[in-house]
Amino acid sequence: MLLSLGLPVLVLLILAVVVTRLVERLLPETLLGLLGVAIIASLVLWGLSSVLFAVIYAVQDSRIAALPGASAGLRHMAMLGAKAAIIWAPLMLLTVATAPRRWKTNVW
């Protein structure tokens, strides 16, 4: 039980920090850059959490991948990814909020 719940949560938390820090490197050190980091990281994390749930579903029962009606399955995984924002969003926002501390060329 702990592994089936704790491992996905831990993976989502690690992804929240890693993805946000990677996106942070790509955008300028400005207020609009911070907004861009938050938006892009949110979309990427939503997609990654959806993929994580799809993998978990497939590992638990491989017959799920062969079911017809792919659009319903994609919609379900997207909704699970959106609901997972309750896990990764606070840490992602905290990472974005502390980004100005890591700025090298611009000063907050």
C-alpha atoms as a PDB file:
ATOM      1  CA  MET A   1       0.000   0.000   0.000  1.00  0.00           C
ATOM      2  CA  LEU A   2       2.733   2.437   0.955  1.00  0.00           C
ATOM      3  CA  LEU A   3       4.719   1.641  -2.168  1.00  0.00           C
ATOM      4  CA  SER A   4       1.718   1.923  -4.484  1.00  0.00           C
ATOM      5  CA  LEU A   5       0.830   5.347  -3.060  1.00  0.00           C
ATOM      6  CA  GLY A   6       4.152   6.699  -1.838  1.00  0.00           C
ATOM      7  CA  LEU A   7       6.218   6.003  -4.942  1.00  0.00           C
ATOM      8  CA  PRO A   8       3.990   7.932  -7.396  1.00  0.00           C
ATOM      9  CA  VAL A   9       3.777  10.846  -4.954  1.00  0.00           C
ATOM     10  CA  LEU A  10       7.558  10.887  -4.559  1.00  0.00           C
ATOM     11  CA  VAL A  11       8.038  10.745  -8.339  1.00  0.00           C
ATOM     12  CA  LEU A  12       5.600  13.636  -8.838  1.00  0.00           C
ATOM     13  CA  LEU A  13       7.353  15.745  -6.196  1.00  0.00           C
ATOM     14  CA  ILE A  14      10.771  15.130  -7.729  1.00  0.00           C
ATOM     15  CA  LEU A  15       9.416  15.908 -11.198  1.00  0.00           C
ATOM     16  CA  ALA A  16       7.914  19.159  -9.895  1.00  0.00           C
ATOM     17  CA  VAL A  17      11.312  20.452  -8.829  1.00  0.00           C
ATOM     18  CA  VAL A  18      13.350  19.064 -11.731  1.00  0.00           C
ATOM     19  CA  VAL A  19      11.005  20.194 -14.508  1.00  0.00           C
ATOM     20  CA  THR A  20      10.591  23.660 -13.017  1.00  0.00           C
ATOM     21  CA  ARG A  21      14.346  24.133 -12.649  1.00  0.00           C
ATOM     22  CA  LEU A  22      14.938  22.969 -16.228  1.00  0.00           C
ATOM     23  CA  VAL A  23      12.304  25.319 -17.639  1.00  0.00           C
ATOM     24  CA  GLU A  24      13.722  28.104 -15.492  1.00  0.00           C
ATOM     25  CA  ARG A  25      17.049  27.822 -17.321  1.00  0.00           C
ATOM     26  CA  LEU A  26      15.385  28.384 -20.687  1.00  0.00           C
ATOM     27  CA  LEU A  27      13.492  31.587 -19.936  1.00  0.00           C
ATOM     28  CA  PRO A  28      14.777  35.076 -19.137  1.00  0.00           C
ATOM     29  CA  GLU A  29      15.258  36.304 -15.600  1.00  0.00           C
ATOM     30  CA  THR A  30      12.282  38.670 -15.569  1.00  0.00           C
ATOM     31  CA  LEU A  31       8.812  38.789 -14.084  1.00  0.00           C
ATOM     32  CA  LEU A  32       7.340  37.618 -17.405  1.00  0.00           C
ATOM     33  CA  GLY A  33       9.958  34.867 -17.418  1.00  0.00           C
ATOM     34  CA  LEU A  34       8.714  33.704 -14.018  1.00  0.00           C
ATOM     35  CA  LEU A  35       5.153  33.663 -15.317  1.00  0.00           C
ATOM     36  CA  GLY A  36       6.329  31.685 -18.319  1.00  0.00           C
ATOM     37  CA  VAL A  37       8.144  29.213 -16.094  1.00  0.00           C
ATOM     38  CA  ALA A  38       4.995  28.662 -14.054  1.00  0.00           C
ATOM     39  CA  ILE A  39       2.791  28.150 -17.122  1.00  0.00           C
ATOM     40  CA  ILE A  40       5.178  25.935 -19.085  1.00  0.00           C
ATOM     41  CA  ALA A  41       6.152  23.850 -16.052  1.00  0.00           C
ATOM     42  CA  SER A  42       2.468  23.368 -15.179  1.00  0.00           C
ATOM     43  CA  LEU A  43       1.644  22.104 -18.657  1.00  0.00           C
ATOM     44  CA  VAL A  44       4.674  19.805 -18.762  1.00  0.00           C
ATOM     45  CA  LEU A  45       3.948  18.435 -15.293  1.00  0.00           C
ATOM     46  CA  TRP A  46       0.321  17.869 -16.212  1.00  0.00           C
ATOM     47  CA  GLY A  47       1.412  15.839 -19.223  1.00  0.00           C
ATOM     48  CA  LEU A  48       4.070  13.917 -17.293  1.00  0.00           C
ATOM     49  CA  SER A  49       1.679  13.070 -14.473  1.00  0.00           C
ATOM     50  CA  SER A  50      -0.864  11.844 -17.031  1.00  0.00           C
ATOM     51  CA  VAL A  51       1.797   9.624 -18.586  1.00  0.00           C
ATOM     52  CA  LEU A  52       2.813   8.390 -15.130  1.00  0.00           C
ATOM     53  CA  PHE A  53      -0.752   7.320 -14.394  1.00  0.00           C
ATOM     54  CA  ALA A  54      -1.035   5.635 -17.792  1.00  0.00           C
ATOM     55  CA  VAL A  55       2.137   3.669 -17.053  1.00  0.00           C
ATOM     56  CA  ILE A  56       0.875   2.712 -13.599  1.00  0.00           C
ATOM     57  CA  TYR A  57      -2.425   1.537 -15.090  1.00  0.00           C
ATOM     58  CA  ALA A  58      -0.590  -0.463 -17.770  1.00  0.00           C
ATOM     59  CA  VAL A  59       1.718  -2.101 -15.226  1.00  0.00           C
ATOM     60  CA  GLN A  60      -1.195  -3.116 -13.026  1.00  0.00           C
ATOM     61  CA  ASP A  61      -3.169  -4.625 -15.898  1.00  0.00           C
ATOM     62  CA  SER A  62      -1.632  -4.857 -19.370  1.00  0.00           C
ATOM     63  CA  ARG A  63      -5.064  -5.502 -20.936  1.00  0.00           C
ATOM     64  CA  ILE A  64      -5.926  -1.833 -20.383  1.00  0.00           C
ATOM     65  CA  ALA A  65      -3.648  -0.798 -23.250  1.00  0.00           C
ATOM     66  CA  ALA A  66      -5.598  -2.993 -25.670  1.00  0.00           C
ATOM     67  CA  LEU A  67      -9.034  -1.583 -24.823  1.00  0.00           C
ATOM     68  CA  PRO A  68     -10.890   0.255 -27.596  1.00  0.00           C
ATOM     69  CA  GLY A  69     -11.882   3.882 -27.221  1.00  0.00           C
ATOM     70  CA  ALA A  70      -8.532   5.573 -26.894  1.00  0.00           C
ATOM     71  CA  SER A  71     -10.051   9.046 -26.591  1.00  0.00           C
ATOM     72  CA  ALA A  72     -11.911   8.114 -23.416  1.00  0.00           C
ATOM     73  CA  GLY A  73      -8.732   6.655 -21.970  1.00  0.00           C
ATOM     74  CA  LEU A  74      -6.713   9.748 -22.878  1.00  0.00           C
ATOM     75  CA  ARG A  75      -9.343  11.991 -21.349  1.00  0.00           C
ATOM     76  CA  HIS A  76      -9.338   9.892 -18.166  1.00  0.00           C
ATOM     77  CA  MET A  77      -5.524  10.062 -17.891  1.00  0.00           C
ATOM     78  CA  ALA A  78      -5.596  13.818 -18.525  1.00  0.00           C
ATOM     79  CA  MET A  79      -8.119  14.242 -15.721  1.00  0.00           C
ATOM     80  CA  LEU A  80      -5.974  12.151 -13.387  1.00  0.00           C
ATOM     81  CA  GLY A  81      -2.982  14.308 -14.314  1.00  0.00           C
ATOM     82  CA  ALA A  82      -4.980  17.450 -13.571  1.00  0.00           C
ATOM     83  CA  LYS A  83      -6.106  16.061 -10.220  1.00  0.00           C
ATOM     84  CA  ALA A  84      -2.493  15.231  -9.398  1.00  0.00           C
ATOM     85  CA  ALA A  85      -1.815  18.974  -9.425  1.00  0.00           C
ATOM     86  CA  ILE A  86      -2.818  18.921  -5.770  1.00  0.00           C
ATOM     87  CA  ILE A  87       0.472  17.063  -5.232  1.00  0.00           C
ATOM     88  CA  TRP A  88       2.920  18.780  -7.584  1.00  0.00           C
ATOM     89  CA  ALA A  89       1.543  22.326  -7.866  1.00  0.00           C
ATOM     90  CA  PRO A  90       2.534  23.604  -4.386  1.00  0.00           C
ATOM     91  CA  LEU A  91       6.128  22.462  -4.792  1.00  0.00           C
ATOM     92  CA  MET A  92       6.289  23.781  -8.356  1.00  0.00           C
ATOM     93  CA  LEU A  93       4.990  27.183  -7.221  1.00  0.00           C
ATOM     94  CA  LEU A  94       7.489  27.231  -4.357  1.00  0.00           C
ATOM     95  CA  THR A  95      10.298  26.498  -6.799  1.00  0.00           C
ATOM     96  CA  VAL A  96       9.098  29.307  -9.090  1.00  0.00           C
ATOM     97  CA  ALA A  97       8.790  31.707  -6.159  1.00  0.00           C
ATOM     98  CA  THR A  98      12.386  31.076  -5.104  1.00  0.00           C
ATOM     99  CA  ALA A  99      13.750  31.441  -8.647  1.00  0.00           C
ATOM    100  CA  PRO A 100      14.879  35.076  -8.209  1.00  0.00           C
ATOM    101  CA  ARG A 101      17.355  33.877  -5.578  1.00  0.00           C
ATOM    102  CA  ARG A 102      19.116  31.894  -8.298  1.00  0.00           C
ATOM    103  CA  TRP A 103      19.209  34.723 -10.852  1.00  0.00           C
ATOM    104  CA  LYS A 104      22.692  35.581 -12.035  1.00  0.00           C
ATOM    105  CA  THR A 105      22.228  38.554 -14.379  1.00  0.00           C
ATOM    106  CA  ASN A 106      19.044  40.244 -13.156  1.00  0.00           C
ATOM    107  CA  VAL A 107      18.293  41.458  -9.642  1.00  0.00           C
ATOM    108  CA  TRP A 108      14.848  41.211  -8.114  1.00  0.00           C
END
